[in-house]
Amino acid sequence: MSDPERRVSVDGGKFTFVIPSGDYRVSILRYGESWHPPQTEAWTALHSIMAELDAARVVLRAVRTAIAMRNEGEVIGVLCDALEHHDGLVSDREPPSSWAGMP
């Protein structure tokens, strides 16, 4: 069984990175239309970027959900689950880049 198709959109849907089912190459859509054909160069870097972005989005969604709950016990559980999910998606523990302005 091959991996399912994977799509990650950025910039409000302006760009979508697509890894077709059973393929390793990444195509890039712009506003849903073909923009760059399947990339055979740097595809591992593109896969990594997509995984990091999705993992970060998992945590952000959990934080937003937890803030809306306002129940301390539930908040901690939701955040711990999100971090575990994040760690299952990526193994990288790099800190945010300096441009992000995090201390």
C-alpha atoms as a PDB file:
ATOM      1  CA  MET A   1       0.000   0.000   0.000  1.00  0.00           C
ATOM      2  CA  SER A   2       1.418   3.404  -0.944  1.00  0.00           C
ATOM      3  CA  ASP A   3       1.246   6.584   1.059  1.00  0.00           C
ATOM      4  CA  PRO A   4      -1.806   8.764   0.443  1.00  0.00           C
ATOM      5  CA  GLU A   5      -1.486  11.994  -1.501  1.00  0.00           C
ATOM      6  CA  ARG A   6      -0.254  14.811   0.682  1.00  0.00           C
ATOM      7  CA  ARG A   7      -1.122  18.485   0.166  1.00  0.00           C
ATOM      8  CA  VAL A   8       0.122  21.414   2.205  1.00  0.00           C
ATOM      9  CA  SER A   9      -1.126  24.908   1.367  1.00  0.00           C
ATOM     10  CA  VAL A  10       0.556  28.140   2.428  1.00  0.00           C
ATOM     11  CA  ASP A  11      -0.033  31.874   2.097  1.00  0.00           C
ATOM     12  CA  GLY A  12      -3.801  31.561   2.380  1.00  0.00           C
ATOM     13  CA  GLY A  13      -3.922  28.883  -0.308  1.00  0.00           C
ATOM     14  CA  LYS A  14      -1.841  30.813  -2.843  1.00  0.00           C
ATOM     15  CA  PHE A  15       0.663  27.944  -3.057  1.00  0.00           C
ATOM     16  CA  THR A  16      -0.003  24.237  -2.544  1.00  0.00           C
ATOM     17  CA  PHE A  17       2.761  21.642  -2.339  1.00  0.00           C
ATOM     18  CA  VAL A  18       1.600  18.218  -3.530  1.00  0.00           C
ATOM     19  CA  ILE A  19       3.192  14.784  -3.127  1.00  0.00           C
ATOM     20  CA  PRO A  20       1.113  12.341  -5.181  1.00  0.00           C
ATOM     21  CA  SER A  21       0.263   8.911  -3.813  1.00  0.00           C
ATOM     22  CA  GLY A  22       3.073   6.466  -4.503  1.00  0.00           C
ATOM     23  CA  ASP A  23       5.495   9.174  -5.652  1.00  0.00           C
ATOM     24  CA  TYR A  24       8.291  11.089  -3.967  1.00  0.00           C
ATOM     25  CA  ARG A  25       8.360  14.188  -6.159  1.00  0.00           C
ATOM     26  CA  VAL A  26       6.740  17.442  -5.067  1.00  0.00           C
ATOM     27  CA  SER A  27       4.674  19.564  -7.440  1.00  0.00           C
ATOM     28  CA  ILE A  28       3.745  23.142  -6.667  1.00  0.00           C
ATOM     29  CA  LEU A  29       0.379  24.676  -7.512  1.00  0.00           C
ATOM     30  CA  ARG A  30      -0.318  28.405  -7.563  1.00  0.00           C
ATOM     31  CA  TYR A  31      -3.968  29.257  -6.904  1.00  0.00           C
ATOM     32  CA  GLY A  32      -4.800  25.610  -7.616  1.00  0.00           C
ATOM     33  CA  GLU A  33      -3.181  25.585 -11.058  1.00  0.00           C
ATOM     34  CA  SER A  34       0.033  23.781 -12.001  1.00  0.00           C
ATOM     35  CA  TRP A  35       2.935  26.124 -11.397  1.00  0.00           C
ATOM     36  CA  HIS A  36       6.062  23.976 -11.032  1.00  0.00           C
ATOM     37  CA  PRO A  37       6.138  20.412 -12.345  1.00  0.00           C
ATOM     38  CA  PRO A  38       7.253  17.521 -10.138  1.00  0.00           C
ATOM     39  CA  GLN A  39      10.535  18.447  -8.515  1.00  0.00           C
ATOM     40  CA  THR A  40      13.244  15.822  -8.746  1.00  0.00           C
ATOM     41  CA  GLU A  41      15.863  18.083  -7.154  1.00  0.00           C
ATOM     42  CA  ALA A  42      15.678  18.997  -3.487  1.00  0.00           C
ATOM     43  CA  TRP A  43      12.565  16.867  -2.993  1.00  0.00           C
ATOM     44  CA  THR A  44      13.791  15.664   0.411  1.00  0.00           C
ATOM     45  CA  ALA A  45      14.145  19.285   1.531  1.00  0.00           C
ATOM     46  CA  LEU A  46      10.619  20.023   0.330  1.00  0.00           C
ATOM     47  CA  HIS A  47       9.273  16.949   2.169  1.00  0.00           C
ATOM     48  CA  SER A  48      10.988  18.173   5.353  1.00  0.00           C
ATOM     49  CA  ILE A  49       9.541  21.664   5.026  1.00  0.00           C
ATOM     50  CA  MET A  50       6.054  20.231   4.538  1.00  0.00           C
ATOM     51  CA  ALA A  51       6.396  17.961   7.593  1.00  0.00           C
ATOM     52  CA  GLU A  52       7.698  20.787   9.799  1.00  0.00           C
ATOM     53  CA  LEU A  53       4.866  23.082   8.738  1.00  0.00           C
ATOM     54  CA  ASP A  54       2.176  20.472   9.376  1.00  0.00           C
ATOM     55  CA  ALA A  55       3.711  19.592  12.753  1.00  0.00           C
ATOM     56  CA  ALA A  56       3.749  23.242  13.793  1.00  0.00           C
ATOM     57  CA  ARG A  57       0.133  23.625  12.685  1.00  0.00           C
ATOM     58  CA  VAL A  58      -0.843  20.667  14.902  1.00  0.00           C
ATOM     59  CA  VAL A  59       0.558  22.454  17.936  1.00  0.00           C
ATOM     60  CA  LEU A  60      -0.935  25.836  17.015  1.00  0.00           C
ATOM     61  CA  ARG A  61      -4.390  24.320  16.584  1.00  0.00           C
ATOM     62  CA  ALA A  62      -4.098  22.634  19.987  1.00  0.00           C
ATOM     63  CA  VAL A  63      -3.004  25.858  21.657  1.00  0.00           C
ATOM     64  CA  ARG A  64      -5.965  27.704  20.170  1.00  0.00           C
ATOM     65  CA  THR A  65      -8.312  24.909  21.263  1.00  0.00           C
ATOM     66  CA  ALA A  66      -6.812  24.849  24.759  1.00  0.00           C
ATOM     67  CA  ILE A  67      -7.132  28.604  25.171  1.00  0.00           C
ATOM     68  CA  ALA A  68     -10.806  28.373  24.242  1.00  0.00           C
ATOM     69  CA  MET A  69     -11.369  25.634  26.882  1.00  0.00           C
ATOM     70  CA  ARG A  70     -10.199  27.669  29.868  1.00  0.00           C
ATOM     71  CA  ASN A  71     -10.047  24.503  32.007  1.00  0.00           C
ATOM     72  CA  GLU A  72      -6.496  24.051  33.264  1.00  0.00           C
ATOM     73  CA  GLY A  73      -6.584  20.242  33.420  1.00  0.00           C
ATOM     74  CA  GLU A  74      -8.002  19.890  29.919  1.00  0.00           C
ATOM     75  CA  VAL A  75      -5.621  22.533  28.574  1.00  0.00           C
ATOM     76  CA  ILE A  76      -2.546  20.660  29.756  1.00  0.00           C
ATOM     77  CA  GLY A  77      -3.848  17.388  28.314  1.00  0.00           C
ATOM     78  CA  VAL A  78      -4.616  18.939  24.929  1.00  0.00           C
ATOM     79  CA  LEU A  79      -1.179  20.572  24.771  1.00  0.00           C
ATOM     80  CA  CYS A  80       0.626  17.388  25.787  1.00  0.00           C
ATOM     81  CA  ASP A  81      -1.294  15.414  23.126  1.00  0.00           C
ATOM     82  CA  ALA A  82      -0.410  18.025  20.510  1.00  0.00           C
ATOM     83  CA  LEU A  83       3.278  17.917  21.363  1.00  0.00           C
ATOM     84  CA  GLU A  84       3.243  14.119  21.172  1.00  0.00           C
ATOM     85  CA  HIS A  85       1.538  14.311  17.771  1.00  0.00           C
ATOM     86  CA  HIS A  86       4.123  16.902  16.651  1.00  0.00           C
ATOM     87  CA  ASP A  87       6.978  14.648  17.730  1.00  0.00           C
ATOM     88  CA  GLY A  88       5.446  11.779  15.771  1.00  0.00           C
ATOM     89  CA  LEU A  89       5.467  13.875  12.607  1.00  0.00           C
ATOM     90  CA  VAL A  90       9.004  15.255  12.831  1.00  0.00           C
ATOM     91  CA  SER A  91      12.138  14.469  14.785  1.00  0.00           C
ATOM     92  CA  ASP A  92      13.759  17.868  14.387  1.00  0.00           C
ATOM     93  CA  ARG A  93      14.174  19.936  17.545  1.00  0.00           C
ATOM     94  CA  GLU A  94      15.632  23.050  15.941  1.00  0.00           C
ATOM     95  CA  PRO A  95      14.653  26.287  17.676  1.00  0.00           C
ATOM     96  CA  PRO A  96      12.779  28.937  15.677  1.00  0.00           C
ATOM     97  CA  SER A  97      14.932  30.918  13.272  1.00  0.00           C
ATOM     98  CA  SER A  98      16.200  34.306  14.448  1.00  0.00           C
ATOM     99  CA  TRP A  99      13.814  36.113  12.089  1.00  0.00           C
ATOM    100  CA  ALA A 100      10.896  34.748  14.144  1.00  0.00           C
ATOM    101  CA  GLY A 101      11.932  36.992  17.028  1.00  0.00           C
ATOM    102  CA  MET A 102      11.681  34.302  19.727  1.00  0.00           C
ATOM    103  CA  PRO A 103      13.991  34.805  22.720  1.00  0.00           C
END
